[in-house]
C-alpha atoms as a PDB file:
ATOM      1  CA  MET A   1      11.253 -58.110  26.795  1.00  0.00           C
ATOM      2  CA  LYS A   2       8.178 -56.762  25.780  1.00  0.00           C
ATOM      3  CA  TRP A   3       6.839 -60.390  25.090  1.00  0.00           C
ATOM      4  CA  LEU A   4       8.053 -61.130  28.454  1.00  0.00           C
ATOM      5  CA  ILE A   5       6.214 -58.374  30.242  1.00  0.00           C
ATOM      6  CA  LEU A   6       2.849 -59.232  27.899  1.00  0.00           C
ATOM      7  CA  PHE A   7       3.017 -62.945  28.976  1.00  0.00           C
ATOM      8  CA  ALA A   8       3.583 -61.955  32.829  1.00  0.00           C
ATOM      9  CA  TRP A   9       0.717 -59.741  32.558  1.00  0.00           C
ATOM     10  CA  LEU A  10      -1.549 -62.289  30.954  1.00  0.00           C
ATOM     11  CA  GLY A  11      -0.545 -65.034  33.305  1.00  0.00           C
ATOM     12  CA  SER A  12      -1.208 -62.576  36.239  1.00  0.00           C
ATOM     13  CA  ILE A  13      -4.688 -62.218  34.760  1.00  0.00           C
ATOM     14  CA  LEU A  14      -5.255 -65.976  34.490  1.00  0.00           C
ATOM     15  CA  PHE A  15      -3.862 -66.397  38.005  1.00  0.00           C
ATOM     16  CA  ALA A  16      -6.607 -64.084  39.481  1.00  0.00           C
ATOM     17  CA  HIS A  17      -9.142 -65.789  37.221  1.00  0.00           C
ATOM     18  CA  TYR A  18      -8.499 -69.318  38.461  1.00  0.00           C
ATOM     19  CA  ARG A  19      -8.467 -68.405  42.207  1.00  0.00           C
ATOM     20  CA  GLY A  20     -11.166 -69.837  44.081  1.00  0.00           C
ATOM     21  CA  VAL A  21     -14.251 -71.820  42.745  1.00  0.00           C
ATOM     22  CA  VAL A  22     -16.425 -68.896  41.511  1.00  0.00           C
ATOM     23  CA  ARG A  23     -15.129 -67.452  38.483  1.00  0.00           C
ATOM     24  CA  LEU A  24     -16.582 -64.608  36.106  1.00  0.00           C
ATOM     25  CA  PRO A  25     -16.815 -66.031  32.434  1.00  0.00           C
ATOM     26  CA  LEU A  26     -13.333 -65.843  31.045  1.00  0.00           C
ATOM     27  CA  LYS A  27     -14.510 -63.383  28.132  1.00  0.00           C
ATOM     28  CA  ARG A  28     -15.616 -61.138  30.972  1.00  0.00           C
ATOM     29  CA  GLN A  29     -12.605 -61.331  33.113  1.00  0.00           C
ATOM     30  CA  LEU A  30     -10.441 -60.547  30.057  1.00  0.00           C
ATOM     31  CA  LEU A  31     -12.393 -57.393  29.641  1.00  0.00           C
ATOM     32  CA  ASP A  32     -12.756 -56.481  33.481  1.00  0.00           C
ATOM     33  CA  HIS A  33     -11.238 -53.270  34.820  1.00  0.00           C
ATOM     34  CA  SER A  34      -9.245 -55.652  37.443  1.00  0.00           C
ATOM     35  CA  ILE A  35      -6.835 -56.750  34.923  1.00  0.00           C
ATOM     36  CA  ILE A  36      -5.129 -53.377  34.849  1.00  0.00           C
ATOM     37  CA  LEU A  37      -3.523 -54.186  38.070  1.00  0.00           C
ATOM     38  CA  ALA A  38      -3.332 -57.865  37.700  1.00  0.00           C
ATOM     39  CA  PRO A  39       0.417 -58.263  37.938  1.00  0.00           C
ATOM     40  CA  ILE A  40       0.480 -55.914  41.069  1.00  0.00           C
ATOM     41  CA  ASN A  41      -2.298 -57.993  42.448  1.00  0.00           C
ATOM     42  CA  ALA A  42      -0.533 -61.267  41.883  1.00  0.00           C
ATOM     43  CA  PHE A  43       2.621 -59.953  43.685  1.00  0.00           C
ATOM     44  CA  MET A  44       0.334 -58.837  46.765  1.00  0.00           C
ATOM     45  CA  VAL A  45      -1.177 -62.411  46.990  1.00  0.00           C
ATOM     46  CA  LEU A  46       2.042 -64.300  46.510  1.00  0.00           C
ATOM     47  CA  THR A  47       3.610 -62.314  49.233  1.00  0.00           C
ATOM     48  CA  SER A  48       0.861 -62.116  51.819  1.00  0.00           C
ATOM     49  CA  ARG A  49       1.477 -62.975  55.472  1.00  0.00           C
ATOM     50  CA  VAL A  50      -2.351 -63.804  56.181  1.00  0.00           C
ATOM     51  CA  PRO A  51      -4.087 -66.562  54.469  1.00  0.00           C
ATOM     52  CA  THR A  52      -5.106 -66.082  50.657  1.00  0.00           C
ATOM     53  CA  THR A  53      -8.478 -67.692  51.449  1.00  0.00           C
ATOM     54  CA  PRO A  54     -11.765 -65.701  50.592  1.00  0.00           C
ATOM     55  CA  TYR A  55     -12.434 -65.109  54.366  1.00  0.00           C
ATOM     56  CA  VAL A  56      -9.522 -64.228  56.727  1.00  0.00           C
ATOM     57  CA  PRO A  57      -9.985 -65.004  60.574  1.00  0.00           C
ATOM     58  CA  LEU A  58     -10.440 -61.807  62.547  1.00  0.00           C
ATOM     59  CA  SER A  59      -7.879 -62.984  64.774  1.00  0.00           C
ATOM     60  CA  ARG A  60      -5.120 -62.446  62.367  1.00  0.00           C
ATOM     61  CA  ILE A  61      -5.638 -58.603  62.510  1.00  0.00           C
ATOM     62  CA  PRO A  62      -6.331 -58.240  66.093  1.00  0.00           C
ATOM     63  CA  GLU A  63      -6.345 -54.194  66.113  1.00  0.00           C
ATOM     64  CA  LEU A  64      -9.687 -54.390  64.354  1.00  0.00           C
ATOM     65  CA  GLN A  65     -11.277 -55.542  67.892  1.00  0.00           C
ATOM     66  CA  LEU A  66     -11.347 -51.740  68.933  1.00  0.00           C
ATOM     67  CA  LEU A  67     -13.989 -51.251  66.284  1.00  0.00           C
ATOM     68  CA  GLN A  68     -16.059 -54.226  67.226  1.00  0.00           C
ATOM     69  CA  ASP A  69     -15.734 -53.073  71.028  1.00  0.00           C
ATOM     70  CA  ASN A  70     -17.013 -49.719  70.277  1.00  0.00           C
ATOM     71  CA  TRP A  71     -19.617 -50.749  67.605  1.00  0.00           C
ATOM     72  CA  GLU A  72     -22.695 -49.117  69.253  1.00  0.00           C
ATOM     73  CA  THR A  73     -20.748 -45.779  69.332  1.00  0.00           C
ATOM     74  CA  ILE A  74     -20.001 -46.000  65.825  1.00  0.00           C
ATOM     75  CA  ARG A  75     -23.666 -47.211  64.953  1.00  0.00           C
ATOM     76  CA  ASP A  76     -25.159 -44.299  66.988  1.00  0.00           C
ATOM     77  CA  GLU A  77     -23.124 -41.578  64.532  1.00  0.00           C
ATOM     78  CA  ALA A  78     -24.077 -43.739  61.383  1.00  0.00           C
ATOM     79  CA  LEU A  79     -27.795 -43.431  62.236  1.00  0.00           C
ATOM     80  CA  ALA A  80     -27.490 -39.612  63.240  1.00  0.00           C
ATOM     81  CA  LEU A  81     -26.076 -38.818  59.838  1.00  0.00           C
ATOM     82  CA  GLN A  82     -27.900 -41.424  57.869  1.00  0.00           C
ATOM     83  CA  ALA A  83     -29.317 -38.566  55.643  1.00  0.00           C
ATOM     84  CA  GLU A  84     -25.664 -37.990  54.419  1.00  0.00           C
ATOM     85  CA  ILE A  85     -25.071 -41.543  53.433  1.00  0.00           C
ATOM     86  CA  LYS A  86     -25.943 -41.188  49.828  1.00  0.00           C
ATOM     87  CA  ALA A  87     -24.823 -41.497  46.170  1.00  0.00           C
ATOM     88  CA  PRO A  88     -22.520 -38.848  44.859  1.00  0.00           C
ATOM     89  CA  ASP A  89     -24.148 -35.538  43.407  1.00  0.00           C
ATOM     90  CA  LYS A  90     -21.547 -34.877  40.590  1.00  0.00           C
ATOM     91  CA  HIS A  91     -20.719 -38.191  39.202  1.00  0.00           C
ATOM     92  CA  ASN A  92     -17.245 -38.035  41.025  1.00  0.00           C
ATOM     93  CA  ASP A  93     -16.797 -41.537  42.262  1.00  0.00           C
ATOM     94  CA  ILE A  94     -15.282 -43.853  39.744  1.00  0.00           C
ATOM     95  CA  GLY A  95     -14.252 -46.368  42.196  1.00  0.00           C
ATOM     96  CA  PHE A  96     -18.006 -47.324  43.190  1.00  0.00           C
ATOM     97  CA  ASN A  97     -19.764 -46.011  40.159  1.00  0.00           C
ATOM     98  CA  SER A  98     -21.489 -49.105  38.989  1.00  0.00           C
ATOM     99  CA  PHE A  99     -22.869 -49.765  42.538  1.00  0.00           C
ATOM    100  CA  PHE A 100     -25.162 -46.710  42.916  1.00  0.00           C
ATOM    101  CA  LYS A 101     -27.866 -48.029  40.262  1.00  0.00           C
ATOM    102  CA  TYR A 102     -28.785 -50.750  42.684  1.00  0.00           C
ATOM    103  CA  GLY A 103     -29.312 -48.532  45.597  1.00  0.00           C
ATOM    104  CA  TRP A 104     -25.916 -48.873  47.324  1.00  0.00           C
ATOM    105  CA  LYS A 105     -24.798 -45.561  49.054  1.00  0.00           C
ATOM    106  CA  ARG A 106     -21.779 -44.356  51.011  1.00  0.00           C
ATOM    107  CA  PHE A 107     -20.356 -41.849  53.211  1.00  0.00           C
ATOM    108  CA  TYR A 108     -16.745 -41.597  53.563  1.00  0.00           C
ATOM    109  CA  LEU A 109     -14.836 -41.377  56.908  1.00  0.00           C
ATOM    110  CA  LYS A 110     -11.401 -41.586  55.563  1.00  0.00           C
ATOM    111  CA  TRP A 111      -9.562 -42.564  52.266  1.00  0.00           C
ATOM    112  CA  TYR A 112      -5.818 -43.125  52.134  1.00  0.00           C
ATOM    113  CA  ASP A 113      -4.161 -39.692  52.482  1.00  0.00           C
ATOM    114  CA  ALA A 114      -7.171 -37.702  51.161  1.00  0.00           C
ATOM    115  CA  LYS A 115      -8.907 -35.257  53.715  1.00  0.00           C
ATOM    116  CA  HIS A 116     -12.543 -35.519  54.445  1.00  0.00           C
ATOM    117  CA  PRO A 117     -13.521 -32.588  57.080  1.00  0.00           C
ATOM    118  CA  SER A 118     -17.102 -33.379  56.888  1.00  0.00           C
ATOM    119  CA  ALA A 119     -16.465 -36.907  58.607  1.00  0.00           C
ATOM    120  CA  GLU A 120     -14.255 -35.319  61.329  1.00  0.00           C
ATOM    121  CA  GLU A 121     -17.436 -32.892  61.848  1.00  0.00           C
ATOM    122  CA  LEU A 122     -20.114 -35.318  61.494  1.00  0.00           C
ATOM    123  CA  CYS A 123     -18.847 -38.283  63.232  1.00  0.00           C
ATOM    124  CA  PRO A 124     -15.875 -37.462  65.173  1.00  0.00           C
ATOM    125  CA  LYS A 125     -15.651 -40.514  67.490  1.00  0.00           C
ATOM    126  CA  THR A 126     -15.798 -42.980  64.645  1.00  0.00           C
ATOM    127  CA  VAL A 127     -13.077 -40.985  63.053  1.00  0.00           C
ATOM    128  CA  GLU A 128     -10.869 -40.851  65.973  1.00  0.00           C
ATOM    129  CA  LEU A 129     -11.325 -44.739  66.424  1.00  0.00           C
ATOM    130  CA  LEU A 130     -10.186 -45.378  62.901  1.00  0.00           C
ATOM    131  CA  ASN A 131      -7.415 -43.164  63.421  1.00  0.00           C
ATOM    132  CA  ARG A 132      -6.044 -45.256  66.176  1.00  0.00           C
ATOM    133  CA  ILE A 133      -5.692 -48.284  63.723  1.00  0.00           C
ATOM    134  CA  PRO A 134      -2.879 -47.456  61.478  1.00  0.00           C
ATOM    135  CA  CYS A 135      -3.666 -50.511  59.204  1.00  0.00           C
ATOM    136  CA  VAL A 136      -6.963 -48.955  58.407  1.00  0.00           C
ATOM    137  CA  LYS A 137      -6.618 -47.185  55.035  1.00  0.00           C
ATOM    138  CA  ALA A 138     -10.066 -46.442  53.928  1.00  0.00           C
ATOM    139  CA  ALA A 139     -13.507 -46.465  55.672  1.00  0.00           C
ATOM    140  CA  MET A 140     -17.061 -45.497  55.102  1.00  0.00           C
ATOM    141  CA  PHE A 141     -20.576 -46.197  56.132  1.00  0.00           C
ATOM    142  CA  ALA A 142     -22.081 -48.114  53.573  1.00  0.00           C
ATOM    143  CA  GLU A 143     -25.969 -48.425  53.191  1.00  0.00           C
ATOM    144  CA  LEU A 144     -27.759 -51.306  51.162  1.00  0.00           C
ATOM    145  CA  PRO A 145     -31.588 -50.864  51.008  1.00  0.00           C
ATOM    146  CA  PRO A 146     -34.342 -53.383  50.769  1.00  0.00           C
ATOM    147  CA  GLY A 147     -34.109 -54.774  47.238  1.00  0.00           C
ATOM    148  CA  GLY A 148     -30.692 -53.606  46.764  1.00  0.00           C
ATOM    149  CA  LYS A 149     -27.743 -55.679  45.448  1.00  0.00           C
ATOM    150  CA  LEU A 150     -24.181 -55.707  44.192  1.00  0.00           C
ATOM    151  CA  ASN A 151     -23.778 -57.791  41.281  1.00  0.00           C
ATOM    152  CA  PRO A 152     -20.767 -60.585  41.174  1.00  0.00           C
ATOM    153  CA  HIS A 153     -17.562 -58.470  40.616  1.00  0.00           C
ATOM    154  CA  ARG A 154     -13.987 -58.371  41.672  1.00  0.00           C
ATOM    155  CA  ASP A 155     -12.483 -55.416  43.264  1.00  0.00           C
ATOM    156  CA  PRO A 156      -9.276 -54.181  41.473  1.00  0.00           C
ATOM    157  CA  TYR A 157      -6.651 -54.132  44.176  1.00  0.00           C
ATOM    158  CA  ALA A 158      -5.318 -56.723  46.190  1.00  0.00           C
ATOM    159  CA  GLY A 159      -3.111 -54.517  48.194  1.00  0.00           C
ATOM    160  CA  SER A 160      -6.021 -54.474  50.794  1.00  0.00           C
ATOM    161  CA  LEU A 161      -8.485 -56.675  52.580  1.00  0.00           C
ATOM    162  CA  ARG A 162     -12.008 -55.751  53.251  1.00  0.00           C
ATOM    163  CA  TYR A 163     -13.679 -55.615  56.584  1.00  0.00           C
ATOM    164  CA  HIS A 164     -17.156 -55.245  57.327  1.00  0.00           C
ATOM    165  CA  LEU A 165     -18.813 -54.463  60.737  1.00  0.00           C
ATOM    166  CA  GLY A 166     -22.778 -54.687  61.120  1.00  0.00           C
ATOM    167  CA  LEU A 167     -24.127 -51.630  62.642  1.00  0.00           C
ATOM    168  CA  SER A 168     -27.688 -51.591  61.634  1.00  0.00           C
ATOM    169  CA  THR A 169     -28.659 -54.569  59.878  1.00  0.00           C
ATOM    170  CA  PRO A 170     -31.650 -56.722  59.330  1.00  0.00           C
ATOM    171  CA  ASN A 171     -30.159 -59.554  60.965  1.00  0.00           C
ATOM    172  CA  ASP A 172     -31.895 -61.683  58.545  1.00  0.00           C
ATOM    173  CA  ASP A 173     -30.588 -64.637  56.443  1.00  0.00           C
ATOM    174  CA  ARG A 174     -31.833 -62.727  53.456  1.00  0.00           C
ATOM    175  CA  CYS A 175     -29.399 -59.968  53.786  1.00  0.00           C
ATOM    176  CA  TYR A 176     -25.840 -61.386  52.855  1.00  0.00           C
ATOM    177  CA  ILE A 177     -22.760 -61.236  50.939  1.00  0.00           C
ATOM    178  CA  ASP A 178     -21.220 -64.191  48.980  1.00  0.00           C
ATOM    179  CA  VAL A 179     -17.493 -64.314  48.643  1.00  0.00           C
ATOM    180  CA  ASP A 180     -16.281 -67.082  46.347  1.00  0.00           C
ATOM    181  CA  GLY A 181     -19.492 -69.061  47.105  1.00  0.00           C
ATOM    182  CA  ILE A 182     -19.425 -68.678  50.703  1.00  0.00           C
ATOM    183  CA  ARG A 183     -22.060 -66.672  52.453  1.00  0.00           C
ATOM    184  CA  HIS A 184     -21.778 -64.248  55.327  1.00  0.00           C
ATOM    185  CA  VAL A 185     -24.817 -62.932  56.755  1.00  0.00           C
ATOM    186  CA  TRP A 186     -24.382 -59.443  58.530  1.00  0.00           C
ATOM    187  CA  HIS A 187     -25.518 -59.043  62.073  1.00  0.00           C
ATOM    188  CA  ASP A 188     -25.161 -56.066  64.445  1.00  0.00           C
ATOM    189  CA  GLY A 189     -21.922 -55.814  66.274  1.00  0.00           C
ATOM    190  CA  GLU A 190     -20.137 -58.631  64.060  1.00  0.00           C
ATOM    191  CA  GLY A 191     -17.013 -58.187  62.138  1.00  0.00           C
ATOM    192  CA  VAL A 192     -15.611 -60.249  59.154  1.00  0.00           C
ATOM    193  CA  ILE A 193     -12.616 -59.901  56.833  1.00  0.00           C
ATOM    194  CA  PHE A 194     -12.500 -61.068  53.364  1.00  0.00           C
ATOM    195  CA  ASP A 195     -10.418 -60.676  50.099  1.00  0.00           C
ATOM    196  CA  GLU A 196     -12.242 -58.497  47.656  1.00  0.00           C
ATOM    197  CA  THR A 197     -10.445 -59.682  44.673  1.00  0.00           C
ATOM    198  CA  TYR A 198     -12.279 -63.115  45.052  1.00  0.00           C
ATOM    199  CA  VAL A 199     -15.667 -62.789  42.986  1.00  0.00           C
ATOM    200  CA  HIS A 200     -18.328 -61.548  45.493  1.00  0.00           C
ATOM    201  CA  ASP A 201     -21.850 -60.205  45.256  1.00  0.00           C
ATOM    202  CA  ALA A 202     -24.220 -58.936  47.996  1.00  0.00           C
ATOM    203  CA  TYR A 203     -28.026 -58.879  48.329  1.00  0.00           C
ATOM    204  CA  ASN A 204     -30.583 -57.212  50.784  1.00  0.00           C
ATOM    205  CA  LYS A 205     -33.660 -59.435  50.069  1.00  0.00           C
ATOM    206  CA  SER A 206     -35.279 -58.257  53.450  1.00  0.00           C
ATOM    207  CA  GLU A 207     -37.655 -55.419  53.990  1.00  0.00           C
ATOM    208  CA  THR A 208     -35.000 -53.497  56.268  1.00  0.00           C
ATOM    209  CA  ASN A 209     -32.209 -51.246  55.451  1.00  0.00           C
ATOM    210  CA  ARG A 210     -28.776 -52.455  56.073  1.00  0.00           C
ATOM    211  CA  ILE A 211     -26.066 -50.101  57.307  1.00  0.00           C
ATOM    212  CA  ILE A 212     -22.321 -51.341  57.788  1.00  0.00           C
ATOM    213  CA  LEU A 213     -18.798 -49.937  58.565  1.00  0.00           C
ATOM    214  CA  PHE A 214     -16.882 -50.665  55.452  1.00  0.00           C
ATOM    215  CA  CYS A 215     -13.032 -50.649  55.584  1.00  0.00           C
ATOM    216  CA  ASP A 216     -10.052 -51.323  53.594  1.00  0.00           C
ATOM    217  CA  ILE A 217      -7.259 -52.863  55.708  1.00  0.00           C
ATOM    218  CA  GLU A 218      -3.783 -52.795  54.419  1.00  0.00           C
ATOM    219  CA  ARG A 219      -2.784 -56.490  53.558  1.00  0.00           C
ATOM    220  CA  PRO A 220       0.156 -57.613  55.835  1.00  0.00           C
ATOM    221  CA  LEU A 221       2.867 -58.935  53.508  1.00  0.00           C
ATOM    222  CA  ILE A 222       5.903 -61.163  54.305  1.00  0.00           C
ATOM    223  CA  TRP A 223       8.780 -58.722  53.543  1.00  0.00           C
ATOM    224  CA  ARG A 224       9.033 -55.171  54.835  1.00  0.00           C
ATOM    225  CA  TRP A 225      10.038 -53.856  51.392  1.00  0.00           C
ATOM    226  CA  ALA A 226       6.989 -55.339  49.943  1.00  0.00           C
ATOM    227  CA  GLU A 227       4.660 -53.371  52.551  1.00  0.00           C
ATOM    228  CA  LYS A 228       6.514 -50.359  51.659  1.00  0.00           C
ATOM    229  CA  VAL A 229       5.582 -50.916  47.867  1.00  0.00           C
ATOM    230  CA  ASN A 230       2.119 -51.359  49.001  1.00  0.00           C
ATOM    231  CA  TYR A 231       2.187 -48.264  51.310  1.00  0.00           C
ATOM    232  CA  TRP A 232       3.514 -46.330  48.539  1.00  0.00           C
ATOM    233  CA  PHE A 233       1.088 -47.426  45.634  1.00  0.00           C
ATOM    234  CA  GLY A 234      -2.015 -46.818  47.995  1.00  0.00           C
ATOM    235  CA  ARG A 235      -0.783 -43.318  49.039  1.00  0.00           C
ATOM    236  CA  ILE A 236      -0.152 -42.135  45.591  1.00  0.00           C
ATOM    237  CA  PHE A 237      -2.662 -44.093  43.341  1.00  0.00           C
ATOM    238  CA  MET A 238      -5.639 -44.997  45.739  1.00  0.00           C
ATOM    239  CA  SER A 239      -5.513 -41.394  47.154  1.00  0.00           C
ATOM    240  CA  ALA A 240      -6.146 -40.103  43.632  1.00  0.00           C
ATOM    241  CA  ALA A 241      -9.503 -41.964  43.593  1.00  0.00           C
ATOM    242  CA  SER A 242     -10.702 -40.349  46.860  1.00  0.00           C
ATOM    243  CA  SER A 243     -14.431 -38.863  46.421  1.00  0.00           C
ATOM    244  CA  PRO A 244     -15.999 -36.104  48.578  1.00  0.00           C
ATOM    245  CA  ASN A 245     -19.204 -36.032  50.830  1.00  0.00           C
ATOM    246  CA  ALA A 246     -19.142 -32.470  50.812  1.00  0.00           C
ATOM    247  CA  ASP A 247     -17.522 -29.627  48.905  1.00  0.00           C
ATOM    248  CA  SER A 248     -15.064 -29.090  51.603  1.00  0.00           C
ATOM    249  CA  ASP A 249     -13.734 -32.620  51.092  1.00  0.00           C
ATOM    250  CA  GLN A 250     -10.717 -33.502  48.980  1.00  0.00           C
ATOM    251  CA  THR A 251     -11.256 -34.965  45.394  1.00  0.00           C
ATOM    252  CA  GLY A 252      -8.529 -37.077  44.019  1.00  0.00           C
ATOM    253  CA  PHE A 253      -7.144 -36.337  40.693  1.00  0.00           C
ATOM    254  CA  ILE A 254      -8.755 -39.349  38.972  1.00  0.00           C
ATOM    255  CA  ASN A 255     -12.182 -38.290  40.234  1.00  0.00           C
ATOM    256  CA  ARG A 256     -11.676 -34.611  39.219  1.00  0.00           C
ATOM    257  CA  LEU A 257     -11.890 -36.319  35.772  1.00  0.00           C
ATOM    258  CA  THR A 258     -14.588 -38.458  36.337  1.00  0.00           C
ATOM    259  CA  HIS A 259     -17.378 -36.060  34.964  1.00  0.00           C
ATOM    260  CA  TRP A 260     -15.766 -36.394  31.550  1.00  0.00           C
ATOM    261  CA  HIS A 261     -15.590 -40.305  32.138  1.00  0.00           C
ATOM    262  CA  TRP A 262     -19.308 -40.326  32.997  1.00  0.00           C
ATOM    263  CA  VAL A 263     -20.028 -38.246  29.685  1.00  0.00           C
ATOM    264  CA  ILE A 264     -18.058 -40.768  27.740  1.00  0.00           C
ATOM    265  CA  ASP A 265     -19.586 -43.653  29.715  1.00  0.00           C
ATOM    266  CA  GLN A 266     -23.250 -42.590  28.704  1.00  0.00           C
ATOM    267  CA  LYS A 267     -22.359 -42.706  25.168  1.00  0.00           C
ATOM    268  CA  ARG A 268     -20.707 -46.216  25.969  1.00  0.00           C
ATOM    269  CA  LYS A 269     -23.764 -47.609  27.472  1.00  0.00           C
ATOM    270  CA  ALA A 270     -25.900 -46.161  24.571  1.00  0.00           C
ATOM    271  CA  PHE A 271     -23.823 -47.712  21.965  1.00  0.00           C
ATOM    272  CA  LYS A 272     -23.900 -51.188  23.998  1.00  0.00           C
ATOM    273  CA  ALA A 273     -27.834 -50.904  24.235  1.00  0.00           C
ATOM    274  CA  ALA A 274     -28.132 -50.247  20.390  1.00  0.00           C
ATOM    275  CA  ASN A 275     -26.019 -52.902  19.366  1.00  0.00           C
ATOM    276  CA  ARG A 276     -24.524 -55.300  21.975  1.00  0.00           C
ATOM    277  CA  PRO A 277     -22.695 -57.610  19.456  1.00  0.00           C
ATOM    278  CA  LEU A 278     -20.875 -54.866  17.779  1.00  0.00           C
ATOM    279  CA  TYR A 279     -20.060 -53.255  21.106  1.00  0.00           C
ATOM    280  CA  LYS A 280     -18.481 -56.448  22.186  1.00  0.00           C
ATOM    281  CA  ALA A 281     -16.470 -56.795  19.067  1.00  0.00           C
ATOM    282  CA  THR A 282     -15.389 -53.106  19.088  1.00  0.00           C
ATOM    283  CA  LYS A 283     -14.270 -53.629  22.841  1.00  0.00           C
ATOM    284  CA  VAL A 284     -12.170 -56.713  21.914  1.00  0.00           C
ATOM    285  CA  ALA A 285     -10.816 -54.888  18.959  1.00  0.00           C
ATOM    286  CA  LEU A 286      -9.596 -51.958  21.047  1.00  0.00           C
ATOM    287  CA  ILE A 287      -7.531 -54.147  23.421  1.00  0.00           C
ATOM    288  CA  VAL A 288      -5.953 -56.104  20.737  1.00  0.00           C
ATOM    289  CA  LEU A 289      -4.871 -52.871  19.168  1.00  0.00           C
ATOM    290  CA  ALA A 290      -3.620 -51.757  22.376  1.00  0.00           C
ATOM    291  CA  ILE A 291      -1.504 -54.755  22.844  1.00  0.00           C
ATOM    292  CA  LEU A 292      -0.403 -54.398  19.002  1.00  0.00           C
ATOM    293  CA  LEU A 293       0.803 -50.940  19.737  1.00  0.00           C
ATOM    294  CA  PHE A 294       2.606 -52.009  22.788  1.00  0.00           C
ATOM    295  CA  LEU A 295       4.402 -54.492  20.973  1.00  0.00           C
ATOM    296  CA  ALA A 296       5.314 -52.090  18.228  1.00  0.00           C
ATOM    297  CA  ILE A 297       6.746 -49.224  20.367  1.00  0.00           C
END
């Protein structure tokens, strides 16, 4: 049984790795955080009711038209609180921790079942619009300044799809996202849906700031019971990754531990900078050890 679980897990990792035409190096994929949920992600993709292509037509989730119809209202609230769109003050946003060093910033509007009173206070119209669309599980204003970038990566959970709505963008071909090698340029008032478990990266090579509405949309699945599993997983585990805008907002259990993760991560980075070959060898050895311990139990 243990070997069956192990092979199913490894098979799920390879399934994710060979989806699409753009891939991370296999060694990096095997060490990437997305491998943790690989079996769940394979299940979500294989039971998807919408195309499993890098981009999904907007027509497949028509409820999102409400946001596009009201994009100027949403934009105005985003610009009014632009000073609040920022990196966290307390190293308590593990989900997007690696993004901040390249200039990316965020202001949470909702996050699964977690509460964000700051959003209800500062942008009530946007929150009200989002609450009218049940499939929107998480949302934020996301800023990418001139020169900002997100390196190629996969997001860890396939139970959602990603929606971007341009609010205040450069409207410039130099400000774009690539999903599995297919480029999308952000424009004011235009939305796009993509599968964030494909390799994607983003750049703002223009001289103008970019602000978008960034949403996680619950992936439609072919079976009702599968959708219940997805809903349950999001409610329990994704809510635990909630990060606050202000002290009044809810911090999920995972992010309560993030300060210690940050301390350990600083030591990890120092080790990596001091001796990269030894760091990589140690990382592989720890993974192999974890697998051997699993098989020995």
